[in-house]
Amino acid sequence: MLPEAEGPFHGVVGESLGDSMSLAVVGESTAAGVGVLRQDDALAFCVARSLSRARQRTVRVQVVGRHGANLRETREALLPQLDLPCDTVLVVTGVNDALELTNGRTWSAELRAVTRELVRRGARQVVFSSIPPLGAIPVLPQPTRSALGARAAYLDGIMRETCAATGAHHVPIRFATQAGLLAADGFHPSATGYAAWADSLVASWPAK
């Protein structure tokens, strides 16, 4: 098992630019930066750099992640660690719930609960990254790969519908799985993979 990326877990990107915005990233192993050694190469700081370039703004970023966290554990254990209020909270979740076969009703209820809690605590915008395409990860054997891919797609559809109903934003990703974009375990992103994921998110980032 690859370790979580080492800190720092707070930082400022594009400090010389004008207006600033605050970004928090919370969730499972990819929020924790599994697959790279440093948070600077992981998803949160990659998103911050991509947002800073796209919006020409300074981005203050924080990250709270944990390897293996499902959405309930994210809500119970990780959300309380966020320093809020914040302009945008990006929630990275779904892979562990797919692996654990979380049922659709429970998943939708947890998505709603996470959104309510973040808004209550001052998140001005809540963004959920879509679930990576587990069915396209070569290291997973068949038929497990196809089954997990279908499960991830099912949960992602519920995420999209629930976000539309709650005012949160579901942002699709186009995360490729070819060599170079995956870490040594063949499952988590590499530094190049995290950068590609971040650029894909920011390309569809809500305008608010």
Protein backbone atom coordinates (compact mmCIF):
# COMPACT_ATOMS: atom_id res chain seq x y z
CA MET A 1 0.00 0.00 0.00
CA LEU A 2 1.38 3.39 -0.97
CA PRO A 3 1.55 6.05 1.76
CA GLU A 4 -0.31 9.33 1.88
CA ALA A 5 1.59 12.34 0.59
CA GLU A 6 3.52 14.36 3.15
CA GLY A 7 2.55 17.96 3.95
CA PRO A 8 2.34 20.87 4.23
CA PHE A 9 -1.45 20.69 4.07
CA HIS A 10 -2.02 24.45 3.74
CA GLY A 11 -0.51 26.85 1.27
CA VAL A 12 -0.90 29.79 -1.09
CA VAL A 13 -0.67 29.54 -4.88
CA GLY A 14 -0.21 32.54 -7.20
CA GLU A 15 0.58 34.88 -4.33
CA SER A 16 1.57 37.71 -6.66
CA LEU A 17 -1.84 37.82 -8.36
CA GLY A 18 -4.73 40.08 -7.41
CA ASP A 19 -7.96 38.88 -5.84
CA SER A 20 -7.77 35.77 -3.69
CA MET A 21 -10.04 32.78 -3.22
CA SER A 22 -9.99 29.95 -0.71
CA LEU A 23 -10.16 26.26 -1.62
CA ALA A 24 -10.47 23.22 0.62
CA VAL A 25 -10.11 19.66 -0.66
CA VAL A 26 -11.41 16.79 1.45
CA GLY A 27 -11.98 13.09 0.98
CA GLU A 28 -10.45 9.71 0.28
CA SER A 29 -6.96 8.57 -0.73
CA THR A 30 -6.70 10.82 -3.76
CA ALA A 31 -7.44 13.83 -1.56
CA ALA A 32 -4.71 12.52 0.75
CA GLY A 33 -2.31 12.38 -2.21
CA VAL A 34 -1.65 8.65 -2.28
CA GLY A 35 0.61 7.97 -5.27
CA VAL A 36 2.96 10.93 -4.82
CA LEU A 37 5.42 11.86 -2.10
CA ARG A 38 4.43 15.48 -1.48
CA GLN A 39 1.14 17.33 -1.25
CA ASP A 40 2.58 19.85 -3.69
CA ASP A 41 2.24 17.17 -6.40
CA ALA A 42 -1.15 15.88 -5.22
CA LEU A 43 -4.66 16.81 -6.27
CA ALA A 44 -5.38 19.76 -3.96
CA PHE A 45 -2.35 21.81 -4.92
CA CYS A 46 -2.71 20.81 -8.59
CA VAL A 47 -6.29 22.11 -8.56
CA ALA A 48 -5.15 25.29 -6.82
CA ARG A 49 -2.48 25.93 -9.46
CA SER A 50 -4.89 25.21 -12.30
CA LEU A 51 -7.54 27.50 -10.79
CA SER A 52 -4.98 30.22 -10.21
CA ARG A 53 -3.88 30.08 -13.86
CA ALA A 54 -7.44 29.95 -15.19
CA ARG A 55 -8.86 32.70 -13.00
CA GLN A 56 -5.70 34.79 -12.50
CA ARG A 57 -6.32 34.78 -8.76
CA THR A 58 -4.38 33.91 -5.65
CA VAL A 59 -5.65 30.61 -4.21
CA ARG A 60 -5.36 29.74 -0.52
CA VAL A 61 -5.59 25.98 -0.28
CA GLN A 62 -6.05 23.42 2.49
CA VAL A 63 -6.41 19.65 2.28
CA VAL A 64 -7.79 16.99 4.63
CA GLY A 65 -7.75 13.43 3.31
CA ARG A 66 -7.50 9.87 4.56
CA HIS A 67 -6.63 6.63 2.82
CA GLY A 68 -9.68 4.35 2.75
CA ALA A 69 -12.26 6.91 3.88
CA ASN A 70 -15.76 6.38 2.56
CA LEU A 71 -18.26 9.22 2.40
CA ARG A 72 -19.73 8.59 5.87
CA GLU A 73 -16.25 8.59 7.38
CA THR A 74 -15.42 11.74 5.44
CA ARG A 75 -18.47 13.46 6.92
CA GLU A 76 -17.88 12.25 10.46
CA ALA A 77 -14.09 12.42 10.77
CA LEU A 78 -12.70 14.72 8.07
CA LEU A 79 -15.18 17.57 7.63
CA PRO A 80 -14.68 18.70 11.26
CA GLN A 81 -10.98 19.21 10.49
CA LEU A 82 -11.63 21.77 7.74
CA ASP A 83 -10.98 25.42 8.46
CA LEU A 84 -14.24 27.02 7.32
CA PRO A 85 -15.80 29.28 6.04
CA CYS A 86 -14.27 28.87 2.60
CA ASP A 87 -15.09 29.94 -0.95
CA THR A 88 -15.10 26.40 -2.39
CA VAL A 89 -14.88 22.92 -0.91
CA LEU A 90 -13.97 20.13 -3.33
CA VAL A 91 -15.09 16.70 -2.11
CA VAL A 92 -13.22 13.73 -3.58
CA THR A 93 -15.10 10.54 -2.82
CA GLY A 94 -16.79 7.45 -4.24
CA VAL A 95 -14.08 4.89 -4.91
CA ASN A 96 -14.27 3.36 -1.44
CA ASP A 97 -18.06 3.41 -1.48
CA ALA A 98 -17.96 1.56 -4.80
CA LEU A 99 -15.56 -1.00 -3.33
CA GLU A 100 -17.78 -1.39 -0.26
CA LEU A 101 -20.98 -1.68 -2.36
CA THR A 102 -22.67 1.20 -0.55
CA ASN A 103 -26.34 1.15 -1.55
CA GLY A 104 -27.79 4.01 -3.56
CA ARG A 105 -30.16 5.30 -0.88
CA THR A 106 -27.40 5.51 1.74
CA TRP A 107 -25.05 7.16 -0.76
CA SER A 108 -27.59 9.82 -1.71
CA ALA A 109 -28.39 10.53 1.94
CA GLU A 110 -24.70 10.95 2.75
CA LEU A 111 -24.17 13.27 -0.21
CA ARG A 112 -27.02 15.43 1.03
CA ALA A 113 -25.70 15.38 4.59
CA VAL A 114 -22.19 16.37 3.51
CA THR A 115 -23.52 19.26 1.41
CA ARG A 116 -25.77 20.50 4.24
CA GLU A 117 -22.93 20.38 6.75
CA LEU A 118 -20.50 22.22 4.50
CA VAL A 119 -23.02 24.94 3.66
CA ARG A 120 -23.97 25.27 7.32
CA ARG A 121 -20.32 25.82 8.22
CA GLY A 122 -19.79 28.45 5.55
CA ALA A 123 -18.78 26.77 2.29
CA ARG A 124 -19.97 29.19 -0.37
CA GLN A 125 -19.67 26.55 -3.08
CA VAL A 126 -19.59 22.74 -2.79
CA VAL A 127 -18.04 20.79 -5.66
CA PHE A 128 -17.93 17.00 -5.99
CA SER A 129 -15.42 15.45 -8.36
CA SER A 130 -16.97 12.67 -10.39
CA ILE A 131 -15.80 9.18 -9.49
CA PRO A 132 -12.83 7.97 -11.53
CA PRO A 133 -13.61 5.28 -14.14
CA LEU A 134 -12.69 2.15 -12.20
CA GLY A 135 -13.62 0.00 -15.17
CA ALA A 136 -10.69 1.45 -17.12
CA ILE A 137 -7.93 0.73 -14.60
CA PRO A 138 -5.83 -2.11 -16.07
CA VAL A 139 -4.42 -3.40 -12.77
CA LEU A 140 -7.86 -4.57 -11.67
CA PRO A 141 -8.55 -8.13 -12.83
CA GLN A 142 -11.65 -9.13 -14.74
CA PRO A 143 -14.50 -9.58 -13.96
CA THR A 144 -13.83 -7.39 -10.90
CA ARG A 145 -12.84 -4.45 -13.09
CA SER A 146 -16.12 -4.44 -15.02
CA ALA A 147 -18.19 -4.89 -11.87
CA LEU A 148 -16.47 -2.05 -10.04
CA GLY A 149 -16.65 0.14 -13.11
CA ALA A 150 -20.40 -0.38 -13.28
CA ARG A 151 -20.78 0.29 -9.58
CA ALA A 152 -18.74 3.49 -9.77
CA ALA A 153 -20.80 4.70 -12.73
CA TYR A 154 -24.02 3.94 -10.81
CA LEU A 155 -22.90 5.92 -7.76
CA ASP A 156 -21.64 8.73 -9.97
CA GLY A 157 -25.07 9.02 -11.59
CA ILE A 158 -26.66 9.34 -8.16
CA MET A 159 -24.04 11.95 -7.24
CA ARG A 160 -24.89 13.98 -10.33
CA GLU A 161 -28.64 13.84 -9.58
CA THR A 162 -28.19 14.65 -5.90
CA CYS A 163 -25.95 17.61 -6.64
CA ALA A 164 -28.57 19.00 -9.02
CA ALA A 165 -31.17 18.71 -6.26
CA THR A 166 -29.08 20.29 -3.51
CA GLY A 167 -27.27 23.13 -5.28
CA ALA A 168 -23.88 21.43 -5.12
CA HIS A 169 -21.85 20.97 -8.31
CA HIS A 170 -20.91 17.66 -9.90
CA VAL A 171 -17.80 18.19 -12.02
CA PRO A 172 -16.89 15.48 -14.53
CA ILE A 173 -13.33 14.35 -15.03
CA ARG A 174 -11.59 12.84 -18.03
CA PHE A 175 -8.95 10.86 -16.19
CA ALA A 176 -6.97 8.64 -18.52
CA THR A 177 -5.26 5.49 -17.26
CA GLN A 178 -2.37 5.10 -19.67
CA ALA A 179 1.22 4.63 -18.53
CA GLY A 180 2.67 7.69 -16.86
CA LEU A 181 -0.60 8.88 -15.35
CA LEU A 182 -0.75 6.15 -12.71
CA ALA A 183 1.50 5.59 -9.70
CA ALA A 184 3.55 2.47 -9.00
CA ASP A 185 0.51 0.59 -7.68
CA GLY A 186 -1.28 1.01 -11.01
CA PHE A 187 -4.33 2.37 -9.19
CA HIS A 188 -3.69 5.84 -7.80
CA PRO A 189 -2.58 8.80 -9.94
CA SER A 190 1.02 9.81 -10.42
CA ALA A 191 2.08 13.46 -10.23
CA THR A 192 1.31 13.78 -13.95
CA GLY A 193 -2.03 12.05 -13.39
CA TYR A 194 -3.02 14.42 -10.59
CA ALA A 195 -2.14 17.41 -12.75
CA ALA A 196 -4.27 16.03 -15.60
CA TRP A 197 -7.16 15.35 -13.21
CA ALA A 198 -6.94 18.89 -11.83
CA ASP A 199 -6.91 20.49 -15.28
CA SER A 200 -9.90 18.37 -16.26
CA LEU A 201 -11.84 19.52 -13.19
CA VAL A 202 -10.99 23.17 -13.67
CA ALA A 203 -12.03 23.03 -17.33
CA SER A 204 -15.59 22.35 -16.09
CA TRP A 205 -15.38 24.31 -12.82
CA PRO A 206 -18.55 26.24 -11.91
CA ALA A 207 -18.33 29.94 -12.66
CA LYS A 208 -19.45 31.25 -9.26
